[in-house]
Amino acid sequence: MVDYTITISDVDNKVLGYVAYDQKDWIDNCISARMVAGKRDIIDALIKHCNDNGITMATGEDAQINQAFDLGVVQLAKDIESVNAND
């Protein structure tokens, strides 16, 4: 499990309180929604790769996401950025 801490100014907190009833809930929901979309993208890419290459897919979302990274189907965004920076 990984914990993240964010720091925002008092003014930014007021702004977030203006657009959301509960700032922490809004942040948690934002992160959760992005994770759902990211998981779907990774699993879709893995399905295509496995079907195209006759590879048996792992069982379960966590195992499928790990398999996608292990097979090089997907990479961390920071790794893609560093490769592009070296081109």
PDB file of N, CA and C in Angstrom:
ATOM      1  N   MET A   1       0.851  -1.171   0.000  1.00  0.00           N
ATOM      2  CA  MET A   1       0.000   0.000   0.000  1.00  0.00           C
ATOM      3  C   MET A   1       0.896   1.234   0.000  1.00  0.00           C
ATOM      4  N   VAL A   2       0.506   2.207  -0.766  1.00  0.00           N
ATOM      5  CA  VAL A   2       1.253   3.457  -0.877  1.00  0.00           C
ATOM      6  C   VAL A   2       0.373   4.595  -0.382  1.00  0.00           C
ATOM      7  N   ASP A   3       0.948   5.477   0.415  1.00  0.00           N
ATOM      8  CA  ASP A   3       0.238   6.669   0.868  1.00  0.00           C
ATOM      9  C   ASP A   3       0.823   7.884   0.178  1.00  0.00           C
ATOM     10  N   TYR A   4      -0.044   8.800  -0.232  1.00  0.00           N
ATOM     11  CA  TYR A   4       0.371  10.065  -0.821  1.00  0.00           C
ATOM     12  C   TYR A   4      -0.172  11.195   0.035  1.00  0.00           C
ATOM     13  N   THR A   5       0.612  12.230   0.164  1.00  0.00           N
ATOM     14  CA  THR A   5       0.176  13.425   0.876  1.00  0.00           C
ATOM     15  C   THR A   5       0.294  14.593  -0.081  1.00  0.00           C
ATOM     16  N   ILE A   6      -0.738  15.423  -0.134  1.00  0.00           N
ATOM     17  CA  ILE A   6      -0.675  16.613  -0.962  1.00  0.00           C
ATOM     18  C   ILE A   6      -0.757  17.835  -0.057  1.00  0.00           C
ATOM     19  N   THR A   7      -0.180  18.908  -0.527  1.00  0.00           N
ATOM     20  CA  THR A   7      -0.238  20.167   0.202  1.00  0.00           C
ATOM     21  C   THR A   7      -0.761  21.229  -0.746  1.00  0.00           C
ATOM     22  N   ILE A   8      -1.798  21.936  -0.307  1.00  0.00           N
ATOM     23  CA  ILE A   8      -2.331  23.043  -1.086  1.00  0.00           C
ATOM     24  C   ILE A   8      -2.415  24.263  -0.171  1.00  0.00           C
ATOM     25  N   SER A   9      -2.442  25.411  -0.770  1.00  0.00           N
ATOM     26  CA  SER A   9      -2.513  26.638   0.023  1.00  0.00           C
ATOM     27  C   SER A   9      -3.901  26.793   0.640  1.00  0.00           C
ATOM     28  N   ASP A  10      -4.001  27.667   1.616  1.00  0.00           N
ATOM     29  CA  ASP A  10      -5.310  27.950   2.230  1.00  0.00           C
ATOM     30  C   ASP A  10      -6.296  28.472   1.191  1.00  0.00           C
ATOM     31  N   VAL A  11      -5.807  29.302   0.285  1.00  0.00           N
ATOM     32  CA  VAL A  11      -6.674  29.841  -0.759  1.00  0.00           C
ATOM     33  C   VAL A  11      -7.146  28.724  -1.676  1.00  0.00           C
ATOM     34  N   ASP A  12      -6.244  27.845  -2.095  1.00  0.00           N
ATOM     35  CA  ASP A  12      -6.640  26.714  -2.941  1.00  0.00           C
ATOM     36  C   ASP A  12      -7.649  25.827  -2.225  1.00  0.00           C
ATOM     37  N   ASN A  13      -7.490  25.649  -0.930  1.00  0.00           N
ATOM     38  CA  ASN A  13      -8.449  24.860  -0.160  1.00  0.00           C
ATOM     39  C   ASN A  13      -9.827  25.512  -0.170  1.00  0.00           C
ATOM     40  N   LYS A  14      -9.859  26.830  -0.082  1.00  0.00           N
ATOM     41  CA  LYS A  14     -11.139  27.540  -0.165  1.00  0.00           C
ATOM     42  C   LYS A  14     -11.776  27.340  -1.535  1.00  0.00           C
ATOM     43  N   VAL A  15     -10.958  27.447  -2.573  1.00  0.00           N
ATOM     44  CA  VAL A  15     -11.469  27.260  -3.931  1.00  0.00           C
ATOM     45  C   VAL A  15     -12.029  25.847  -4.087  1.00  0.00           C
ATOM     46  N   LEU A  16     -11.299  24.858  -3.620  1.00  0.00           N
ATOM     47  CA  LEU A  16     -11.769  23.480  -3.714  1.00  0.00           C
ATOM     48  C   LEU A  16     -13.048  23.297  -2.899  1.00  0.00           C
ATOM     49  N   GLY A  17     -13.130  23.956  -1.747  1.00  0.00           N
ATOM     50  CA  GLY A  17     -14.342  23.908  -0.942  1.00  0.00           C
ATOM     51  C   GLY A  17     -15.523  24.568  -1.630  1.00  0.00           C
ATOM     52  N   TYR A  18     -15.243  25.510  -2.488  1.00  0.00           N
ATOM     53  CA  TYR A  18     -16.294  26.167  -3.266  1.00  0.00           C
ATOM     54  C   TYR A  18     -16.876  25.230  -4.321  1.00  0.00           C
ATOM     55  N   VAL A  19     -16.019  24.418  -4.939  1.00  0.00           N
ATOM     56  CA  VAL A  19     -16.482  23.544  -6.026  1.00  0.00           C
ATOM     57  C   VAL A  19     -16.885  22.150  -5.542  1.00  0.00           C
ATOM     58  N   ALA A  20     -16.565  21.819  -4.297  1.00  0.00           N
ATOM     59  CA  ALA A  20     -16.870  20.484  -3.780  1.00  0.00           C
ATOM     60  C   ALA A  20     -17.369  20.586  -2.345  1.00  0.00           C
ATOM     61  N   TYR A  21     -18.355  19.791  -2.002  1.00  0.00           N
ATOM     62  CA  TYR A  21     -18.906  19.791  -0.650  1.00  0.00           C
ATOM     63  C   TYR A  21     -17.848  19.370   0.364  1.00  0.00           C
ATOM     64  N   ASP A  22     -17.064  18.339   0.015  1.00  0.00           N
ATOM     65  CA  ASP A  22     -16.016  17.832   0.899  1.00  0.00           C
ATOM     66  C   ASP A  22     -14.737  17.675   0.072  1.00  0.00           C
ATOM     67  N   GLN A  23     -13.717  18.448   0.402  1.00  0.00           N
ATOM     68  CA  GLN A  23     -12.496  18.466  -0.394  1.00  0.00           C
ATOM     69  C   GLN A  23     -11.834  17.090  -0.467  1.00  0.00           C
ATOM     70  N   LYS A  24     -11.711  16.404   0.655  1.00  0.00           N
ATOM     71  CA  LYS A  24     -11.050  15.102   0.660  1.00  0.00           C
ATOM     72  C   LYS A  24     -11.832  14.088  -0.172  1.00  0.00           C
ATOM     73  N   ASP A  25     -13.153  14.073  -0.031  1.00  0.00           N
ATOM     74  CA  ASP A  25     -13.966  13.165  -0.846  1.00  0.00           C
ATOM     75  C   ASP A  25     -13.790  13.453  -2.330  1.00  0.00           C
ATOM     76  N   TRP A  26     -13.721  14.728  -2.698  1.00  0.00           N
ATOM     77  CA  TRP A  26     -13.550  15.102  -4.102  1.00  0.00           C
ATOM     78  C   TRP A  26     -12.214  14.580  -4.617  1.00  0.00           C
ATOM     79  N   ILE A  27     -11.156  14.762  -3.829  1.00  0.00           N
ATOM     80  CA  ILE A  27      -9.823  14.290  -4.235  1.00  0.00           C
ATOM     81  C   ILE A  27      -9.821  12.769  -4.360  1.00  0.00           C
ATOM     82  N   ASP A  28     -10.386  12.081  -3.368  1.00  0.00           N
ATOM     83  CA  ASP A  28     -10.449  10.613  -3.416  1.00  0.00           C
ATOM     84  C   ASP A  28     -11.227  10.131  -4.639  1.00  0.00           C
ATOM     85  N   ASN A  29     -12.368  10.773  -4.927  1.00  0.00           N
ATOM     86  CA  ASN A  29     -13.177  10.377  -6.079  1.00  0.00           C
ATOM     87  C   ASN A  29     -12.449  10.640  -7.396  1.00  0.00           C
ATOM     88  N   CYS A  30     -11.746  11.745  -7.465  1.00  0.00           N
ATOM     89  CA  CYS A  30     -10.981  12.080  -8.667  1.00  0.00           C
ATOM     90  C   CYS A  30      -9.926  11.006  -8.952  1.00  0.00           C
ATOM     91  N   ILE A  31      -9.194  10.632  -7.925  1.00  0.00           N
ATOM     92  CA  ILE A  31      -8.152   9.613  -8.077  1.00  0.00           C
ATOM     93  C   ILE A  31      -8.780   8.263  -8.444  1.00  0.00           C
ATOM     94  N   SER A  32      -9.861   7.905  -7.776  1.00  0.00           N
ATOM     95  CA  SER A  32     -10.517   6.616  -8.060  1.00  0.00           C
ATOM     96  C   SER A  32     -11.018   6.541  -9.496  1.00  0.00           C
ATOM     97  N   ALA A  33     -11.620   7.627  -9.968  1.00  0.00           N
ATOM     98  CA  ALA A  33     -12.136   7.642 -11.341  1.00  0.00           C
ATOM     99  C   ALA A  33     -10.996   7.483 -12.345  1.00  0.00           C
ATOM    100  N   ARG A  34      -9.871   8.131 -12.099  1.00  0.00           N
ATOM    101  CA  ARG A  34      -8.735   8.028 -13.029  1.00  0.00           C
ATOM    102  C   ARG A  34      -8.137   6.628 -13.002  1.00  0.00           C
ATOM    103  N   MET A  35      -8.143   6.001 -11.821  1.00  0.00           N
ATOM    104  CA  MET A  35      -7.616   4.639 -11.703  1.00  0.00           C
ATOM    105  C   MET A  35      -8.482   3.647 -12.470  1.00  0.00           C
ATOM    106  N   VAL A  36      -9.794   3.794 -12.385  1.00  0.00           N
ATOM    107  CA  VAL A  36     -10.707   2.904 -13.114  1.00  0.00           C
ATOM    108  C   VAL A  36     -10.423   2.998 -14.613  1.00  0.00           C
ATOM    109  N   ALA A  37     -10.285   4.223 -15.116  1.00  0.00           N
ATOM    110  CA  ALA A  37     -10.009   4.413 -16.548  1.00  0.00           C
ATOM    111  C   ALA A  37      -8.641   3.842 -16.915  1.00  0.00           C
ATOM    112  N   GLY A  38      -7.647   4.066 -16.081  1.00  0.00           N
ATOM    113  CA  GLY A  38      -6.308   3.545 -16.348  1.00  0.00           C
ATOM    114  C   GLY A  38      -6.271   2.024 -16.363  1.00  0.00           C
ATOM    115  N   LYS A  39      -6.949   1.404 -15.402  1.00  0.00           N
ATOM    116  CA  LYS A  39      -7.012  -0.066 -15.364  1.00  0.00           C
ATOM    117  C   LYS A  39      -7.632  -0.606 -16.642  1.00  0.00           C
ATOM    118  N   ARG A  40      -8.725   0.024 -17.076  1.00  0.00           N
ATOM    119  CA  ARG A  40      -9.407  -0.431 -18.290  1.00  0.00           C
ATOM    120  C   ARG A  40      -8.476  -0.309 -19.496  1.00  0.00           C
ATOM    121  N   ASP A  41      -7.752   0.796 -19.606  1.00  0.00           N
ATOM    122  CA  ASP A  41      -6.816   0.984 -20.716  1.00  0.00           C
ATOM    123  C   ASP A  41      -5.735  -0.095 -20.725  1.00  0.00           C
ATOM    124  N   ILE A  42      -5.177  -0.381 -19.560  1.00  0.00           N
ATOM    125  CA  ILE A  42      -4.108  -1.383 -19.451  1.00  0.00           C
ATOM    126  C   ILE A  42      -4.642  -2.762 -19.816  1.00  0.00           C
ATOM    127  N   ILE A  43      -5.782  -3.135 -19.266  1.00  0.00           N
ATOM    128  CA  ILE A  43      -6.339  -4.465 -19.536  1.00  0.00           C
ATOM    129  C   ILE A  43      -6.745  -4.600 -20.999  1.00  0.00           C
ATOM    130  N   ASP A  44      -7.293  -3.551 -21.593  1.00  0.00           N
ATOM    131  CA  ASP A  44      -7.628  -3.594 -23.023  1.00  0.00           C
ATOM    132  C   ASP A  44      -6.378  -3.819 -23.870  1.00  0.00           C
ATOM    133  N   ALA A  45      -5.289  -3.125 -23.523  1.00  0.00           N
ATOM    134  CA  ALA A  45      -4.032  -3.296 -24.263  1.00  0.00           C
ATOM    135  C   ALA A  45      -3.498  -4.711 -24.094  1.00  0.00           C
ATOM    136  N   LEU A  46      -3.618  -5.256 -22.881  1.00  0.00           N
ATOM    137  CA  LEU A  46      -3.153  -6.624 -22.625  1.00  0.00           C
ATOM    138  C   LEU A  46      -3.983  -7.637 -23.411  1.00  0.00           C
ATOM    139  N   ILE A  47      -5.303  -7.464 -23.428  1.00  0.00           N
ATOM    140  CA  ILE A  47      -6.166  -8.385 -24.182  1.00  0.00           C
ATOM    141  C   ILE A  47      -5.749  -8.419 -25.650  1.00  0.00           C
ATOM    142  N   LYS A  48      -5.554  -7.258 -26.236  1.00  0.00           N
ATOM    143  CA  LYS A  48      -5.149  -7.186 -27.641  1.00  0.00           C
ATOM    144  C   LYS A  48      -3.803  -7.866 -27.847  1.00  0.00           C
ATOM    145  N   HIS A  49      -2.843  -7.569 -26.981  1.00  0.00           N
ATOM    146  CA  HIS A  49      -1.507  -8.157 -27.108  1.00  0.00           C
ATOM    147  C   HIS A  49      -1.563  -9.686 -26.982  1.00  0.00           C
ATOM    148  N   CYS A  50      -2.277 -10.161 -25.994  1.00  0.00           N
ATOM    149  CA  CYS A  50      -2.365 -11.613 -25.783  1.00  0.00           C
ATOM    150  C   CYS A  50      -3.076 -12.297 -26.951  1.00  0.00           C
ATOM    151  N   ASN A  51      -4.157 -11.715 -27.434  1.00  0.00           N
ATOM    152  CA  ASN A  51      -4.859 -12.298 -28.584  1.00  0.00           C
ATOM    153  C   ASN A  51      -3.993 -12.286 -29.832  1.00  0.00           C
ATOM    154  N   ASP A  52      -3.277 -11.203 -30.074  1.00  0.00           N
ATOM    155  CA  ASP A  52      -2.423 -11.092 -31.262  1.00  0.00           C
ATOM    156  C   ASP A  52      -1.239 -12.051 -31.221  1.00  0.00           C
ATOM    157  N   ASN A  53      -0.810 -12.431 -29.999  1.00  0.00           N
ATOM    158  CA  ASN A  53       0.406 -13.235 -29.862  1.00  0.00           C
ATOM    159  C   ASN A  53       0.173 -14.616 -29.263  1.00  0.00           C
ATOM    160  N   GLY A  54      -1.091 -15.016 -29.120  1.00  0.00           N
ATOM    161  CA  GLY A  54      -1.400 -16.351 -28.599  1.00  0.00           C
ATOM    162  C   GLY A  54      -0.901 -16.575 -27.182  1.00  0.00           C
ATOM    163  N   ILE A  55      -0.978 -15.560 -26.342  1.00  0.00           N
ATOM    164  CA  ILE A  55      -0.503 -15.639 -24.964  1.00  0.00           C
ATOM    165  C   ILE A  55      -1.704 -15.802 -24.041  1.00  0.00           C
ATOM    166  N   THR A  56      -1.592 -16.702 -23.087  1.00  0.00           N
ATOM    167  CA  THR A  56      -2.643 -16.880 -22.095  1.00  0.00           C
ATOM    168  C   THR A  56      -2.599 -15.719 -21.116  1.00  0.00           C
ATOM    169  N   MET A  57      -3.762 -15.117 -20.911  1.00  0.00           N
ATOM    170  CA  MET A  57      -3.850 -13.987 -20.004  1.00  0.00           C
ATOM    171  C   MET A  57      -3.952 -14.444 -18.560  1.00  0.00           C
ATOM    172  N   ALA A  58      -3.359 -13.671 -17.686  1.00  0.00           N
ATOM    173  CA  ALA A  58      -3.447 -13.944 -16.252  1.00  0.00           C
ATOM    174  C   ALA A  58      -4.899 -13.787 -15.787  1.00  0.00           C
ATOM    175  N   THR A  59      -5.196 -14.353 -14.627  1.00  0.00           N
ATOM    176  CA  THR A  59      -6.535 -14.279 -14.063  1.00  0.00           C
ATOM    177  C   THR A  59      -6.589 -13.220 -12.968  1.00  0.00           C
ATOM    178  N   GLY A  60      -7.570 -12.328 -13.070  1.00  0.00           N
ATOM    179  CA  GLY A  60      -7.758 -11.279 -12.077  1.00  0.00           C
ATOM    180  C   GLY A  60      -7.109  -9.975 -12.508  1.00  0.00           C
ATOM    181  N   GLU A  61      -7.746  -8.850 -12.137  1.00  0.00           N
ATOM    182  CA  GLU A  61      -7.258  -7.534 -12.576  1.00  0.00           C
ATOM    183  C   GLU A  61      -5.830  -7.246 -12.148  1.00  0.00           C
ATOM    184  N   ASP A  62      -5.502  -7.494 -10.885  1.00  0.00           N
ATOM    185  CA  ASP A  62      -4.153  -7.194 -10.411  1.00  0.00           C
ATOM    186  C   ASP A  62      -3.111  -7.996 -11.191  1.00  0.00           C
ATOM    187  N   ALA A  63      -3.386  -9.284 -11.391  1.00  0.00           N
ATOM    188  CA  ALA A  63      -2.461 -10.140 -12.132  1.00  0.00           C
ATOM    189  C   ALA A  63      -2.354  -9.693 -13.589  1.00  0.00           C
ATOM    190  N   GLN A  64      -3.453  -9.262 -14.175  1.00  0.00           N
ATOM    191  CA  GLN A  64      -3.438  -8.798 -15.567  1.00  0.00           C
ATOM    192  C   GLN A  64      -2.639  -7.507 -15.713  1.00  0.00           C
ATOM    193  N   ILE A  65      -2.787  -6.616 -14.771  1.00  0.00           N
ATOM    194  CA  ILE A  65      -2.025  -5.363 -14.821  1.00  0.00           C
ATOM    195  C   ILE A  65      -0.540  -5.655 -14.662  1.00  0.00           C
ATOM    196  N   ASN A  66      -0.194  -6.521 -13.722  1.00  0.00           N
ATOM    197  CA  ASN A  66       1.221  -6.906 -13.565  1.00  0.00           C
ATOM    198  C   ASN A  66       1.745  -7.581 -14.825  1.00  0.00           C
ATOM    199  N   GLN A  67       0.934  -8.436 -15.450  1.00  0.00           N
ATOM    200  CA  GLN A  67       1.348  -9.114 -16.677  1.00  0.00           C
ATOM    201  C   GLN A  67       1.589  -8.107 -17.795  1.00  0.00           C
ATOM    202  N   ALA A  68       0.736  -7.116 -17.906  1.00  0.00           N
ATOM    203  CA  ALA A  68       0.907  -6.099 -18.949  1.00  0.00           C
ATOM    204  C   ALA A  68       2.235  -5.365 -18.784  1.00  0.00           C
ATOM    205  N   PHE A  69       2.594  -5.040 -17.558  1.00  0.00           N
ATOM    206  CA  PHE A  69       3.885  -4.391 -17.317  1.00  0.00           C
ATOM    207  C   PHE A  69       5.034  -5.359 -17.559  1.00  0.00           C
ATOM    208  N   ASP A  70       4.902  -6.603 -17.074  1.00  0.00           N
ATOM    209  CA  ASP A  70       5.964  -7.603 -17.248  1.00  0.00           C
ATOM    210  C   ASP A  70       6.251  -7.886 -18.721  1.00  0.00           C
ATOM    211  N   LEU A  71       5.201  -7.895 -19.556  1.00  0.00           N
ATOM    212  CA  LEU A  71       5.366  -8.165 -20.988  1.00  0.00           C
ATOM    213  C   LEU A  71       5.795  -6.931 -21.779  1.00  0.00           C
ATOM    214  N   GLY A  72       5.832  -5.786 -21.126  1.00  0.00           N
ATOM    215  CA  GLY A  72       6.199  -4.556 -21.822  1.00  0.00           C
ATOM    216  C   GLY A  72       5.082  -3.987 -22.670  1.00  0.00           C
ATOM    217  N   VAL A  73       3.858  -4.443 -22.427  1.00  0.00           N
ATOM    218  CA  VAL A  73       2.707  -3.934 -23.168  1.00  0.00           C
ATOM    219  C   VAL A  73       2.470  -2.472 -22.795  1.00  0.00           C
ATOM    220  N   VAL A  74       2.677  -2.152 -21.540  1.00  0.00           N
ATOM    221  CA  VAL A  74       2.540  -0.783 -21.043  1.00  0.00           C
ATOM    222  C   VAL A  74       3.767  -0.438 -20.211  1.00  0.00           C
ATOM    223  N   GLN A  75       3.976   0.850 -20.028  1.00  0.00           N
ATOM    224  CA  GLN A  75       5.086   1.355 -19.219  1.00  0.00           C
ATOM    225  C   GLN A  75       4.585   2.483 -18.339  1.00  0.00           C
ATOM    226  N   LEU A  76       5.357   2.778 -17.311  1.00  0.00           N
ATOM    227  CA  LEU A  76       5.049   3.943 -16.489  1.00  0.00           C
ATOM    228  C   LEU A  76       5.219   5.198 -17.338  1.00  0.00           C
ATOM    229  N   ALA A  77       4.379   6.178 -17.122  1.00  0.00           N
ATOM    230  CA  ALA A  77       4.448   7.425 -17.894  1.00  0.00           C
ATOM    231  C   ALA A  77       5.814   8.075 -17.779  1.00  0.00           C
ATOM    232  N   LYS A  78       6.421   8.036 -16.595  1.00  0.00           N
ATOM    233  CA  LYS A  78       7.733   8.671 -16.421  1.00  0.00           C
ATOM    234  C   LYS A  78       8.805   7.964 -17.249  1.00  0.00           C
ATOM    235  N   ASP A  79       8.661   6.652 -17.461  1.00  0.00           N
ATOM    236  CA  ASP A  79       9.623   5.924 -18.286  1.00  0.00           C
ATOM    237  C   ASP A  79       9.461   6.278 -19.758  1.00  0.00           C
ATOM    238  N   ILE A  80       8.231   6.467 -20.189  1.00  0.00           N
ATOM    239  CA  ILE A  80       7.984   6.868 -21.575  1.00  0.00           C
ATOM    240  C   ILE A  80       8.540   8.264 -21.809  1.00  0.00           C
ATOM    241  N   GLU A  81       8.331   9.167 -20.856  1.00  0.00           N
ATOM    242  CA  GLU A  81       8.824  10.536 -20.963  1.00  0.00           C
ATOM    243  C   GLU A  81      10.348  10.573 -21.051  1.00  0.00           C
ATOM    244  N   SER A  82      11.027   9.736 -20.241  1.00  0.00           N
ATOM    245  CA  SER A  82      12.489   9.756 -20.262  1.00  0.00           C
ATOM    246  C   SER A  82      13.036   9.215 -21.580  1.00  0.00           C
ATOM    247  N   VAL A  83      12.365   8.248 -22.176  1.00  0.00           N
ATOM    248  CA  VAL A  83      12.767   7.736 -23.489  1.00  0.00           C
ATOM    249  C   VAL A  83      12.578   8.824 -24.546  1.00  0.00           C
ATOM    250  N   ASN A  84      11.422   9.503 -24.514  1.00  0.00           N
ATOM    251  CA  ASN A  84      11.154  10.570 -25.479  1.00  0.00           C
ATOM    252  C   ASN A  84      12.131  11.729 -25.311  1.00  0.00           C
ATOM    253  N   ALA A  85      12.555  12.008 -24.093  1.00  0.00           N
ATOM    254  CA  ALA A  85      13.491  13.094 -23.834  1.00  0.00           C
ATOM    255  C   ALA A  85      14.870  12.786 -24.420  1.00  0.00           C
ATOM    256  N   ASN A  86      15.194  11.501 -24.523  1.00  0.00           N
ATOM    257  CA  ASN A  86      16.516  11.102 -25.043  1.00  0.00           C
ATOM    258  C   ASN A  86      16.544  11.004 -26.565  1.00  0.00           C
ATOM    259  N   ASP A  87      15.400  11.127 -27.214  1.00  0.00           N
ATOM    260  CA  ASP A  87      15.352  11.024 -28.691  1.00  0.00           C
ATOM    261  C   ASP A  87      15.871  12.282 -29.349  1.00  0.00           C
TER     262      ASP A  87
END
